[in-house]
Amino acid sequence: MAQRMTPAQLIDAIRHFYGDTSRSKEQTKDALQEAQEEISTLLEALASDEV
């Protein structure tokens, strides 16, 4: 069974991704925006489950 990721580990992974200089700034920005959209979608789904 996979180990659960903690919120701190999630934030660390995002920061590591941001700090990876093997991508261009544009590639990093695009990927982070894609992740932001996914997170927003998941948050909306959780909010709709509460109703």
N, C-alpha and C. Protein backbone atom coordinates (compact mmCIF):
# COMPACT_ATOMS: atom_id res chain seq x y z
N MET A 1 0.84 -1.18 0.00
CA MET A 1 0.00 0.00 0.00
C MET A 1 0.89 1.24 0.00
N ALA A 2 0.52 2.23 -0.79
CA ALA A 2 1.30 3.46 -0.88
C ALA A 2 1.14 4.30 0.39
N GLN A 3 2.22 4.97 0.73
CA GLN A 3 2.19 5.84 1.90
C GLN A 3 1.43 7.12 1.56
N ARG A 4 0.63 7.61 2.51
CA ARG A 4 -0.12 8.84 2.29
C ARG A 4 0.81 10.03 2.21
N MET A 5 0.51 10.95 1.29
CA MET A 5 1.28 12.19 1.16
C MET A 5 0.68 13.21 2.12
N THR A 6 1.53 13.85 2.88
CA THR A 6 1.06 14.88 3.80
C THR A 6 0.93 16.20 3.06
N PRO A 7 0.16 17.15 3.62
CA PRO A 7 0.10 18.47 3.00
C PRO A 7 1.48 19.11 2.85
N ALA A 8 2.35 18.93 3.84
CA ALA A 8 3.70 19.50 3.75
C ALA A 8 4.49 18.88 2.60
N GLN A 9 4.32 17.58 2.37
CA GLN A 9 5.00 16.92 1.26
C GLN A 9 4.48 17.42 -0.08
N LEU A 10 3.18 17.67 -0.16
CA LEU A 10 2.60 18.22 -1.38
C LEU A 10 3.20 19.59 -1.69
N ILE A 11 3.26 20.46 -0.69
CA ILE A 11 3.83 21.79 -0.87
C ILE A 11 5.31 21.68 -1.25
N ASP A 12 6.04 20.79 -0.60
CA ASP A 12 7.46 20.60 -0.93
C ASP A 12 7.63 20.15 -2.38
N ALA A 13 6.75 19.26 -2.85
CA ALA A 13 6.82 18.79 -4.23
C ALA A 13 6.58 19.94 -5.21
N ILE A 14 5.63 20.80 -4.89
CA ILE A 14 5.35 21.96 -5.75
C ILE A 14 6.56 22.89 -5.77
N ARG A 15 7.14 23.14 -4.61
CA ARG A 15 8.32 24.02 -4.54
C ARG A 15 9.51 23.42 -5.28
N HIS A 16 9.67 22.11 -5.17
CA HIS A 16 10.75 21.43 -5.89
C HIS A 16 10.54 21.57 -7.40
N PHE A 17 9.32 21.36 -7.83
CA PHE A 17 8.99 21.51 -9.25
C PHE A 17 9.30 22.93 -9.72
N TYR A 18 8.90 23.91 -8.93
CA TYR A 18 9.13 25.32 -9.26
C TYR A 18 10.63 25.63 -9.37
N GLY A 19 11.40 25.05 -8.49
CA GLY A 19 12.83 25.33 -8.45
C GLY A 19 13.68 24.55 -9.44
N ASP A 20 13.06 23.63 -10.17
CA ASP A 20 13.79 22.81 -11.14
C ASP A 20 14.14 23.66 -12.36
N THR A 21 15.42 23.91 -12.56
CA THR A 21 15.85 24.80 -13.65
C THR A 21 16.04 24.08 -14.99
N SER A 22 15.66 22.80 -15.06
CA SER A 22 15.80 22.08 -16.32
C SER A 22 14.70 22.47 -17.31
N ARG A 23 13.66 23.15 -16.82
CA ARG A 23 12.59 23.66 -17.68
C ARG A 23 12.74 25.16 -17.83
N SER A 24 12.17 25.69 -18.90
CA SER A 24 12.14 27.14 -19.06
C SER A 24 11.10 27.73 -18.09
N LYS A 25 11.20 29.02 -17.86
CA LYS A 25 10.21 29.69 -17.01
C LYS A 25 8.81 29.51 -17.58
N GLU A 26 8.71 29.60 -18.90
CA GLU A 26 7.40 29.45 -19.56
C GLU A 26 6.83 28.05 -19.34
N GLN A 27 7.67 27.02 -19.45
CA GLN A 27 7.21 25.65 -19.23
C GLN A 27 6.77 25.46 -17.78
N THR A 28 7.53 26.02 -16.86
CA THR A 28 7.18 25.92 -15.44
C THR A 28 5.87 26.63 -15.18
N LYS A 29 5.72 27.83 -15.73
CA LYS A 29 4.49 28.60 -15.54
C LYS A 29 3.29 27.84 -16.09
N ASP A 30 3.42 27.31 -17.30
CA ASP A 30 2.32 26.57 -17.92
C ASP A 30 1.92 25.35 -17.09
N ALA A 31 2.91 24.63 -16.60
CA ALA A 31 2.63 23.43 -15.81
C ALA A 31 1.98 23.78 -14.48
N LEU A 32 2.46 24.85 -13.84
CA LEU A 32 1.86 25.26 -12.57
C LEU A 32 0.43 25.76 -12.77
N GLN A 33 0.17 26.43 -13.89
CA GLN A 33 -1.20 26.85 -14.18
C GLN A 33 -2.10 25.65 -14.41
N GLU A 34 -1.59 24.64 -15.08
CA GLU A 34 -2.36 23.41 -15.29
C GLU A 34 -2.67 22.74 -13.95
N ALA A 35 -1.67 22.70 -13.07
CA ALA A 35 -1.88 22.12 -11.74
C ALA A 35 -2.89 22.94 -10.95
N GLN A 36 -2.82 24.26 -11.08
CA GLN A 36 -3.76 25.14 -10.38
C GLN A 36 -5.19 24.87 -10.84
N GLU A 37 -5.38 24.68 -12.14
CA GLU A 37 -6.70 24.38 -12.67
C GLU A 37 -7.22 23.04 -12.12
N GLU A 38 -6.34 22.06 -12.05
CA GLU A 38 -6.72 20.75 -11.52
C GLU A 38 -7.11 20.86 -10.05
N ILE A 39 -6.32 21.59 -9.29
CA ILE A 39 -6.61 21.78 -7.86
C ILE A 39 -7.94 22.51 -7.70
N SER A 40 -8.18 23.53 -8.50
CA SER A 40 -9.45 24.26 -8.43
C SER A 40 -10.63 23.33 -8.72
N THR A 41 -10.49 22.49 -9.72
CA THR A 41 -11.54 21.53 -10.06
C THR A 41 -11.81 20.58 -8.90
N LEU A 42 -10.75 20.09 -8.29
CA LEU A 42 -10.91 19.17 -7.16
C LEU A 42 -11.54 19.86 -5.96
N LEU A 43 -11.15 21.11 -5.70
CA LEU A 43 -11.75 21.86 -4.59
C LEU A 43 -13.23 22.10 -4.83
N GLU A 44 -13.59 22.43 -6.07
CA GLU A 44 -15.00 22.63 -6.41
C GLU A 44 -15.79 21.33 -6.21
N ALA A 45 -15.20 20.21 -6.58
CA ALA A 45 -15.87 18.92 -6.40
C ALA A 45 -16.09 18.64 -4.92
N LEU A 46 -15.11 18.95 -4.10
CA LEU A 46 -15.27 18.74 -2.66
C LEU A 46 -16.35 19.65 -2.09
N ALA A 47 -16.39 20.89 -2.56
CA ALA A 47 -17.40 21.84 -2.08
C ALA A 47 -18.80 21.38 -2.48
N SER A 48 -18.95 20.85 -3.69
CA SER A 48 -20.27 20.40 -4.13
C SER A 48 -20.71 19.15 -3.38
N ASP A 49 -19.77 18.37 -2.89
CA ASP A 49 -20.10 17.19 -2.08
C ASP A 49 -20.65 17.58 -0.71
N GLU A 50 -20.34 18.79 -0.25
CA GLU A 50 -20.77 19.25 1.07
C GLU A 50 -22.22 19.71 1.09
N VAL A 51 -22.78 19.98 -0.07
CA VAL A 51 -24.13 20.52 -0.15
C VAL A 51 -25.16 19.45 0.08
